[in-house]
């Protein structure tokens, strides 16, 4: 299994998972953090910017997953690489954006 294809699937998972909060916030008409805000990743961008950024993430994710190598849903390695990328960006986003939206509550034993 070529490592370049697995890296592509991992990054495709990152981009496709990253599209979700931007598209959802934008389609709901809500501002959300984006790389285009001031400061980047912390300030709020308009709902329109978030829809465009989310769509861009979908296009890049599609290209990385569907146009590089031969991604197979029945291939455990391909799906694991994709899933690892999606999970890592989701965990990062939860921690990062939790600072702004009250999601970083203390853990209870």
C-alpha atoms as a PDB file:
ATOM      1  CA  UNK A   1       0.000   0.000   0.000  1.00  0.00           C
ATOM      2  CA  UNK A   2       1.669   3.240  -1.091  1.00  0.00           C
ATOM      3  CA  UNK A   3       2.266   5.627   1.798  1.00  0.00           C
ATOM      4  CA  UNK A   4       1.522   8.652  -0.389  1.00  0.00           C
ATOM      5  CA  UNK A   5      -2.022   7.412  -1.016  1.00  0.00           C
ATOM      6  CA  UNK A   6      -2.544   6.809   2.721  1.00  0.00           C
ATOM      7  CA  UNK A   7      -1.288  10.316   3.498  1.00  0.00           C
ATOM      8  CA  UNK A   8      -3.696  11.651   0.889  1.00  0.00           C
ATOM      9  CA  UNK A   9      -6.623   9.770   2.481  1.00  0.00           C
ATOM     10  CA  UNK A  10      -5.603  11.020   5.940  1.00  0.00           C
ATOM     11  CA  UNK A  11      -5.557  14.632   4.711  1.00  0.00           C
ATOM     12  CA  UNK A  12      -8.799  14.041   2.811  1.00  0.00           C
ATOM     13  CA  UNK A  13     -10.395  13.005   6.108  1.00  0.00           C
ATOM     14  CA  UNK A  14      -9.081  16.195   7.691  1.00  0.00           C
ATOM     15  CA  UNK A  15     -10.528  18.416   4.965  1.00  0.00           C
ATOM     16  CA  UNK A  16     -13.885  16.641   4.754  1.00  0.00           C
ATOM     17  CA  UNK A  17     -14.413  16.673   8.526  1.00  0.00           C
ATOM     18  CA  UNK A  18     -13.334  20.319   8.677  1.00  0.00           C
ATOM     19  CA  UNK A  19     -16.013  21.213   6.133  1.00  0.00           C
ATOM     20  CA  UNK A  20     -18.825  20.194   8.484  1.00  0.00           C
ATOM     21  CA  UNK A  21     -18.760  22.980  11.123  1.00  0.00           C
ATOM     22  CA  UNK A  22     -18.172  25.667   8.512  1.00  0.00           C
ATOM     23  CA  UNK A  23     -21.010  24.535   6.262  1.00  0.00           C
ATOM     24  CA  UNK A  24     -23.439  23.966   9.137  1.00  0.00           C
ATOM     25  CA  UNK A  25     -22.706  27.329  10.772  1.00  0.00           C
ATOM     26  CA  UNK A  26     -22.838  29.123   7.449  1.00  0.00           C
ATOM     27  CA  UNK A  27     -26.070  27.470   6.335  1.00  0.00           C
ATOM     28  CA  UNK A  28     -27.646  28.371   9.685  1.00  0.00           C
ATOM     29  CA  UNK A  29     -26.651  31.988   9.091  1.00  0.00           C
ATOM     30  CA  UNK A  30     -24.234  32.019  12.015  1.00  0.00           C
ATOM     31  CA  UNK A  31     -20.726  33.450  12.054  1.00  0.00           C
ATOM     32  CA  UNK A  32     -17.918  31.043  12.962  1.00  0.00           C
ATOM     33  CA  UNK A  33     -14.146  31.093  13.251  1.00  0.00           C
ATOM     34  CA  UNK A  34     -12.201  30.659  10.029  1.00  0.00           C
ATOM     35  CA  UNK A  35      -8.689  31.255   8.723  1.00  0.00           C
ATOM     36  CA  UNK A  36      -9.932  34.510   7.172  1.00  0.00           C
ATOM     37  CA  UNK A  37     -11.046  36.129  10.444  1.00  0.00           C
ATOM     38  CA  UNK A  38      -8.968  38.526  12.492  1.00  0.00           C
ATOM     39  CA  UNK A  39      -7.159  37.000  14.297  1.00  0.00           C
ATOM     40  CA  UNK A  40      -7.159  33.902  12.065  1.00  0.00           C
ATOM     41  CA  UNK A  41      -8.910  30.925  13.632  1.00  0.00           C
ATOM     42  CA  UNK A  42     -10.156  32.977  16.567  1.00  0.00           C
ATOM     43  CA  UNK A  43     -12.212  35.852  15.210  1.00  0.00           C
ATOM     44  CA  UNK A  44     -15.556  35.307  13.527  1.00  0.00           C
ATOM     45  CA  UNK A  45     -16.154  35.154   9.782  1.00  0.00           C
ATOM     46  CA  UNK A  46     -19.518  35.727   8.139  1.00  0.00           C
ATOM     47  CA  UNK A  47     -21.865  32.890   7.328  1.00  0.00           C
ATOM     48  CA  UNK A  48     -21.156  33.390   3.614  1.00  0.00           C
ATOM     49  CA  UNK A  49     -17.391  33.074   4.123  1.00  0.00           C
ATOM     50  CA  UNK A  50     -17.974  29.899   6.130  1.00  0.00           C
ATOM     51  CA  UNK A  51     -20.126  28.318   3.404  1.00  0.00           C
ATOM     52  CA  UNK A  52     -17.446  29.107   0.823  1.00  0.00           C
ATOM     53  CA  UNK A  53     -14.659  27.797   3.089  1.00  0.00           C
ATOM     54  CA  UNK A  54     -16.644  24.645   3.859  1.00  0.00           C
ATOM     55  CA  UNK A  55     -17.292  24.013   0.169  1.00  0.00           C
ATOM     56  CA  UNK A  56     -13.606  24.540  -0.612  1.00  0.00           C
ATOM     57  CA  UNK A  57     -12.765  21.929   2.052  1.00  0.00           C
ATOM     58  CA  UNK A  58     -15.169  19.475   0.384  1.00  0.00           C
ATOM     59  CA  UNK A  59     -13.527  19.995  -3.013  1.00  0.00           C
ATOM     60  CA  UNK A  60     -10.012  19.469  -1.612  1.00  0.00           C
ATOM     61  CA  UNK A  61     -11.186  16.453   0.418  1.00  0.00           C
ATOM     62  CA  UNK A  62     -12.782  14.938  -2.678  1.00  0.00           C
ATOM     63  CA  UNK A  63      -9.631  15.427  -4.720  1.00  0.00           C
ATOM     64  CA  UNK A  64      -7.442  13.861  -2.013  1.00  0.00           C
ATOM     65  CA  UNK A  65      -9.693  10.836  -1.431  1.00  0.00           C
ATOM     66  CA  UNK A  66     -11.213  10.131  -4.825  1.00  0.00           C
ATOM     67  CA  UNK A  67      -8.565  11.278  -7.286  1.00  0.00           C
ATOM     68  CA  UNK A  68      -5.368  10.031  -5.610  1.00  0.00           C
ATOM     69  CA  UNK A  69      -4.699   6.306  -5.561  1.00  0.00           C
ATOM     70  CA  UNK A  70      -7.596   3.870  -5.548  1.00  0.00           C
ATOM     71  CA  UNK A  71      -9.535   4.481  -2.307  1.00  0.00           C
ATOM     72  CA  UNK A  72     -11.608   1.480  -1.292  1.00  0.00           C
ATOM     73  CA  UNK A  73     -14.325   1.524   1.348  1.00  0.00           C
ATOM     74  CA  UNK A  74     -13.637  -2.172   1.922  1.00  0.00           C
ATOM     75  CA  UNK A  75      -9.907  -1.563   2.341  1.00  0.00           C
ATOM     76  CA  UNK A  76      -9.250  -1.272   6.076  1.00  0.00           C
ATOM     77  CA  UNK A  77      -6.004   0.661   5.616  1.00  0.00           C
ATOM     78  CA  UNK A  78      -7.643   3.270   3.391  1.00  0.00           C
ATOM     79  CA  UNK A  79     -10.583   3.739   5.742  1.00  0.00           C
ATOM     80  CA  UNK A  80      -8.329   3.806   8.829  1.00  0.00           C
ATOM     81  CA  UNK A  81      -6.171   6.564   7.308  1.00  0.00           C
ATOM     82  CA  UNK A  82      -9.253   8.578   6.348  1.00  0.00           C
ATOM     83  CA  UNK A  83     -10.869   8.023   9.751  1.00  0.00           C
ATOM     84  CA  UNK A  84      -7.697   8.961  11.641  1.00  0.00           C
ATOM     85  CA  UNK A  85      -7.538  12.278   9.804  1.00  0.00           C
ATOM     86  CA  UNK A  86     -11.213  13.002  10.468  1.00  0.00           C
ATOM     87  CA  UNK A  87     -10.919  12.028  14.153  1.00  0.00           C
ATOM     88  CA  UNK A  88      -7.791  14.096  14.772  1.00  0.00           C
ATOM     89  CA  UNK A  89      -9.218  17.280  13.236  1.00  0.00           C
ATOM     90  CA  UNK A  90     -12.466  16.711  15.152  1.00  0.00           C
ATOM     91  CA  UNK A  91     -10.613  16.387  18.471  1.00  0.00           C
ATOM     92  CA  UNK A  92      -8.442  19.401  17.689  1.00  0.00           C
ATOM     93  CA  UNK A  93     -11.507  21.452  16.725  1.00  0.00           C
ATOM     94  CA  UNK A  94     -13.368  20.429  19.882  1.00  0.00           C
ATOM     95  CA  UNK A  95     -10.507  21.641  22.060  1.00  0.00           C
ATOM     96  CA  UNK A  96      -9.728  24.762  20.024  1.00  0.00           C
ATOM     97  CA  UNK A  97     -13.278  26.013  19.477  1.00  0.00           C
ATOM     98  CA  UNK A  98     -14.373  24.848  22.921  1.00  0.00           C
ATOM     99  CA  UNK A  99     -12.405  27.807  24.295  1.00  0.00           C
ATOM    100  CA  UNK A 100     -14.773  30.172  22.502  1.00  0.00           C
ATOM    101  CA  UNK A 101     -18.065  28.321  22.869  1.00  0.00           C
ATOM    102  CA  UNK A 102     -17.867  26.884  26.392  1.00  0.00           C
ATOM    103  CA  UNK A 103     -17.224  23.308  25.308  1.00  0.00           C
ATOM    104  CA  UNK A 104     -14.089  22.719  27.393  1.00  0.00           C
ATOM    105  CA  UNK A 105     -15.808  21.791  30.626  1.00  0.00           C
ATOM    106  CA  UNK A 106     -13.749  20.115  33.349  1.00  0.00           C
ATOM    107  CA  UNK A 107     -13.836  16.321  33.258  1.00  0.00           C
ATOM    108  CA  UNK A 108     -15.659  14.567  36.106  1.00  0.00           C
ATOM    109  CA  UNK A 109     -14.262  11.317  37.534  1.00  0.00           C
END
